[in-house]
């Protein structure tokens, strides 16, 4: 039998919940989401350290298959998180996913650290990501406005980004890569607003799923910001 997490859904219809209790429930889900999100940064950092010290020469031998296989692995872990979202297994799978995601940052971080100002750029990308998270979360939390109307637009944008990214694995066009990163910064910033808003307004009541969604927003935003910073301000010897 799976160990069950603390129930994150009300035991009676939402419409029957008094407003104060409903507000407390949503506040608890948001708090748990942020706590799990913060915890997920620990295996991410550990994975990134391991990744920086990993030999990724196999990527030069398989420049297309390598990323595709890793994408398949990460998607598999995400499906596992979704499947076990109501048990502690889901939390463990999410933490495992964040470790793998951190490790997969290794090749990019190695390139960044090869620049004279690489460590500074990584710090700027992390700081910029944190700033966007704080601003978008603040807007969603304080305004309490429902930003679910962004969902369809963001979904289409995400699909186009995935298609363009896969296509660029074959064509390797630097200008296209920069365009993808620029659009990704915009899209994933809005995704943070959308996903936090869903928790605030009761659209997502499972904090494991909420943390996973926001983590993916943060992860992709960081990668996009770092790519742009390296391209435009990286100092090479």
Protein backbone atom coordinates (compact mmCIF):
# COMPACT_ATOMS: atom_id res chain seq x y z
CA UNK A 1 0.00 0.00 0.00
CA UNK A 2 1.31 3.45 -0.90
CA UNK A 3 2.01 5.82 2.00
CA UNK A 4 -0.61 8.54 1.61
CA UNK A 5 0.22 12.22 1.82
CA UNK A 6 -1.80 14.66 3.81
CA UNK A 7 -5.05 15.12 1.88
CA UNK A 8 -4.77 18.20 -0.30
CA UNK A 9 -8.39 18.20 -1.46
CA UNK A 10 -11.48 19.10 0.53
CA UNK A 11 -13.68 16.22 1.64
CA UNK A 12 -16.86 17.94 0.46
CA UNK A 13 -17.85 19.98 -2.61
CA UNK A 14 -16.00 23.25 -3.02
CA UNK A 15 -19.25 25.20 -3.18
CA UNK A 16 -20.18 23.96 0.31
CA UNK A 17 -16.97 25.19 1.94
CA UNK A 18 -17.32 28.43 3.91
CA UNK A 19 -15.24 31.24 2.39
CA UNK A 20 -12.79 31.52 5.33
CA UNK A 21 -12.09 27.77 5.28
CA UNK A 22 -11.70 27.80 1.50
CA UNK A 23 -9.18 30.64 1.76
CA UNK A 24 -7.24 28.73 4.43
CA UNK A 25 -7.22 25.60 2.27
CA UNK A 26 -5.83 27.46 -0.71
CA UNK A 27 -3.29 29.24 1.47
CA UNK A 28 -2.13 25.88 2.83
CA UNK A 29 -1.71 24.42 -0.65
CA UNK A 30 0.28 27.49 -1.73
CA UNK A 31 2.48 27.29 1.37
CA UNK A 32 3.15 23.58 0.85
CA UNK A 33 3.88 24.25 -2.82
CA UNK A 34 6.53 26.83 -1.96
CA UNK A 35 8.05 24.55 0.69
CA UNK A 36 8.32 21.64 -1.74
CA UNK A 37 9.64 23.99 -4.42
CA UNK A 38 12.36 25.21 -2.06
CA UNK A 39 13.22 21.62 -1.10
CA UNK A 40 13.50 20.67 -4.78
CA UNK A 41 16.32 23.18 -5.23
CA UNK A 42 18.59 21.05 -3.01
CA UNK A 43 18.79 18.03 -5.37
CA UNK A 44 18.91 20.47 -8.30
CA UNK A 45 22.07 22.10 -6.96
CA UNK A 46 23.59 18.72 -6.08
CA UNK A 47 22.78 17.44 -9.57
CA UNK A 48 24.28 20.55 -11.13
CA UNK A 49 27.53 20.09 -9.19
CA UNK A 50 27.68 16.47 -10.35
CA UNK A 51 26.89 17.58 -13.90
CA UNK A 52 29.68 20.16 -13.97
CA UNK A 53 32.12 17.36 -13.10
CA UNK A 54 30.67 14.85 -15.58
CA UNK A 55 32.34 14.02 -18.87
CA UNK A 56 29.70 14.76 -21.53
CA UNK A 57 31.86 13.86 -24.53
CA UNK A 58 29.20 11.33 -25.54
CA UNK A 59 27.05 14.30 -26.55
CA UNK A 60 29.55 15.13 -29.28
CA UNK A 61 29.21 11.59 -30.58
CA UNK A 62 25.41 11.64 -30.38
CA UNK A 63 24.44 15.34 -30.59
CA UNK A 64 20.81 14.57 -31.44
CA UNK A 65 20.07 11.24 -29.76
CA UNK A 66 21.62 12.30 -26.43
CA UNK A 67 19.20 15.18 -25.76
CA UNK A 68 16.23 13.19 -27.08
CA UNK A 69 16.98 10.23 -24.79
CA UNK A 70 17.37 12.55 -21.81
CA UNK A 71 14.10 14.27 -22.71
CA UNK A 72 12.39 10.87 -22.77
CA UNK A 73 13.84 10.02 -19.33
CA UNK A 74 12.66 13.30 -17.84
CA UNK A 75 9.19 12.93 -19.36
CA UNK A 76 9.00 9.43 -17.88
CA UNK A 77 9.82 10.79 -14.42
CA UNK A 78 7.19 13.50 -14.82
CA UNK A 79 4.58 10.89 -15.69
CA UNK A 80 5.62 9.04 -12.53
CA UNK A 81 5.15 12.17 -10.44
CA UNK A 82 1.69 12.63 -11.94
CA UNK A 83 0.78 8.98 -11.33
CA UNK A 84 1.80 9.08 -7.65
CA UNK A 85 0.94 12.72 -6.93
CA UNK A 86 -1.20 11.79 -3.92
CA UNK A 87 1.50 9.76 -2.14
CA UNK A 88 4.98 10.29 -0.77
CA UNK A 89 6.28 8.36 -3.80
CA UNK A 90 5.29 11.36 -5.91
CA UNK A 91 7.41 13.65 -3.74
CA UNK A 92 10.41 11.31 -4.03
CA UNK A 93 9.99 11.07 -7.79
CA UNK A 94 9.80 14.85 -8.03
CA UNK A 95 13.02 15.21 -6.05
CA UNK A 96 14.61 12.56 -8.27
CA UNK A 97 13.48 14.48 -11.33
CA UNK A 98 14.99 17.71 -10.01
CA UNK A 99 18.31 15.93 -9.44
CA UNK A 100 18.34 14.67 -13.04
CA UNK A 101 17.33 18.12 -14.27
CA UNK A 102 20.20 19.67 -12.31
CA UNK A 103 22.64 17.10 -13.69
CA UNK A 104 21.44 17.84 -17.23
CA UNK A 105 22.46 21.48 -16.71
CA UNK A 106 26.04 20.21 -16.62
CA UNK A 107 26.99 20.79 -20.30
CA UNK A 108 25.59 24.33 -20.28
CA UNK A 109 27.25 25.18 -16.96
CA UNK A 110 30.57 23.81 -18.23
CA UNK A 111 30.39 26.15 -21.21
CA UNK A 112 29.42 29.06 -18.96
CA UNK A 113 32.24 28.40 -16.52
CA UNK A 114 34.64 28.34 -19.48
CA UNK A 115 33.97 32.07 -19.89
CA UNK A 116 35.93 34.60 -17.88
CA UNK A 117 32.73 35.95 -16.34
CA UNK A 118 30.90 32.63 -16.38
CA UNK A 119 30.28 32.39 -12.63
CA UNK A 120 28.88 35.92 -12.65
CA UNK A 121 26.56 35.10 -15.54
CA UNK A 122 25.24 32.02 -13.74
CA UNK A 123 24.58 34.17 -10.68
CA UNK A 124 22.82 36.80 -12.80
CA UNK A 125 20.64 34.16 -14.46
CA UNK A 126 19.73 32.69 -11.08
CA UNK A 127 19.04 36.14 -9.64
CA UNK A 128 16.95 37.13 -12.66
CA UNK A 129 14.96 33.92 -12.37
CA UNK A 130 14.35 34.56 -8.68
CA UNK A 131 13.27 38.14 -9.40
CA UNK A 132 10.77 37.04 -12.05
CA UNK A 133 9.42 34.37 -9.69
CA UNK A 134 8.98 36.93 -6.92
CA UNK A 135 7.27 39.50 -9.18
CA UNK A 136 4.93 37.06 -10.93
CA UNK A 137 4.06 35.26 -7.70
CA UNK A 138 3.38 38.60 -6.05
CA UNK A 139 1.05 39.67 -8.84
CA UNK A 140 -0.85 36.36 -8.74
CA UNK A 141 -1.08 36.30 -4.94
CA UNK A 142 -1.95 39.92 -4.22
CA UNK A 143 -4.27 40.58 -7.14
CA UNK A 144 -6.02 37.21 -6.73
CA UNK A 145 -7.04 37.65 -10.35
CA UNK A 146 -7.68 34.46 -12.30
CA UNK A 147 -5.05 34.22 -15.04
CA UNK A 148 -6.31 30.89 -16.36
CA UNK A 149 -7.25 32.65 -19.60
CA UNK A 150 -3.53 32.57 -20.45
CA UNK A 151 -3.57 28.77 -20.52
CA UNK A 152 -4.41 28.20 -24.18
CA UNK A 153 -2.03 30.90 -25.40
CA UNK A 154 0.82 29.53 -23.28
CA UNK A 155 0.13 25.94 -24.33
CA UNK A 156 0.39 26.92 -28.01
CA UNK A 157 3.56 28.87 -27.27
CA UNK A 158 5.06 25.88 -25.45
CA UNK A 159 4.30 23.50 -28.33
CA UNK A 160 5.90 25.91 -30.81
CA UNK A 161 8.98 26.24 -28.58
CA UNK A 162 9.34 22.46 -28.35
CA UNK A 163 9.00 22.03 -32.12
CA UNK A 164 11.49 24.83 -32.80
CA UNK A 165 13.97 23.44 -30.22
CA UNK A 166 13.82 19.93 -31.69
CA UNK A 167 14.22 21.35 -35.21
CA UNK A 168 17.26 23.33 -34.11
CA UNK A 169 18.90 20.14 -32.85
CA UNK A 170 19.21 19.25 -36.54
CA UNK A 171 19.86 22.68 -38.08
CA UNK A 172 22.00 24.26 -35.33
CA UNK A 173 21.17 27.87 -36.29
CA UNK A 174 22.55 30.31 -33.65
CA UNK A 175 20.04 33.05 -34.53
CA UNK A 176 17.15 30.61 -34.12
CA UNK A 177 18.53 29.44 -30.76
CA UNK A 178 18.63 33.05 -29.52
CA UNK A 179 15.11 33.67 -30.77
CA UNK A 180 13.86 30.56 -28.99
CA UNK A 181 15.50 31.65 -25.73
CA UNK A 182 14.06 35.15 -25.99
CA UNK A 183 10.53 33.87 -26.55
CA UNK A 184 11.02 31.27 -23.81
CA UNK A 185 11.84 33.98 -21.25
CA UNK A 186 8.52 35.66 -22.04
CA UNK A 187 6.49 32.42 -22.16
CA UNK A 188 7.84 30.88 -18.95
CA UNK A 189 7.54 34.15 -17.04
CA UNK A 190 3.84 34.13 -17.89
CA UNK A 191 3.67 30.43 -17.03
CA UNK A 192 4.79 31.28 -13.49
CA UNK A 193 1.99 33.85 -13.26
CA UNK A 194 -0.51 31.32 -14.63
CA UNK A 195 0.56 28.40 -12.43
CA UNK A 196 0.73 30.38 -9.17
CA UNK A 197 -2.64 31.92 -10.00
CA UNK A 198 -4.14 28.44 -10.39
CA UNK A 199 -3.11 27.58 -6.83
CA UNK A 200 -4.30 30.91 -5.43
CA UNK A 201 -7.70 30.56 -7.09
CA UNK A 202 -8.19 26.85 -6.41
CA UNK A 203 -7.51 25.59 -9.93
CA UNK A 204 -4.75 23.31 -8.58
CA UNK A 205 -5.26 21.72 -5.17
CA UNK A 206 -2.40 19.20 -5.22
CA UNK A 207 0.82 20.83 -4.09
CA UNK A 208 3.02 18.13 -5.67
CA UNK A 209 1.61 18.94 -9.10
CA UNK A 210 1.74 22.66 -8.39
CA UNK A 211 5.39 22.48 -7.33
CA UNK A 212 6.27 20.43 -10.40
CA UNK A 213 4.64 22.94 -12.74
CA UNK A 214 6.32 25.97 -11.17
CA UNK A 215 9.66 24.16 -11.00
CA UNK A 216 9.54 23.50 -14.74
CA UNK A 217 8.76 27.18 -15.32
CA UNK A 218 11.74 28.25 -13.21
CA UNK A 219 14.07 25.68 -14.75
CA UNK A 220 13.33 26.68 -18.33
CA UNK A 221 13.43 30.38 -17.48
CA UNK A 222 16.90 29.98 -15.93
CA UNK A 223 18.22 28.09 -18.96
CA UNK A 224 16.87 30.71 -21.36
CA UNK A 225 18.25 33.63 -19.37
CA UNK A 226 21.68 32.01 -19.05
CA UNK A 227 21.80 31.26 -22.77
CA UNK A 228 21.03 34.88 -23.62
CA UNK A 229 23.54 36.22 -21.10
CA UNK A 230 26.29 33.96 -22.44
CA UNK A 231 25.53 34.95 -26.03
CA UNK A 232 25.47 38.71 -25.46
CA UNK A 233 27.76 39.36 -22.47
CA UNK A 234 30.00 36.30 -22.26
CA UNK A 235 33.70 37.20 -22.10
CA UNK A 236 35.85 34.72 -23.98
CA UNK A 237 39.63 34.50 -23.70
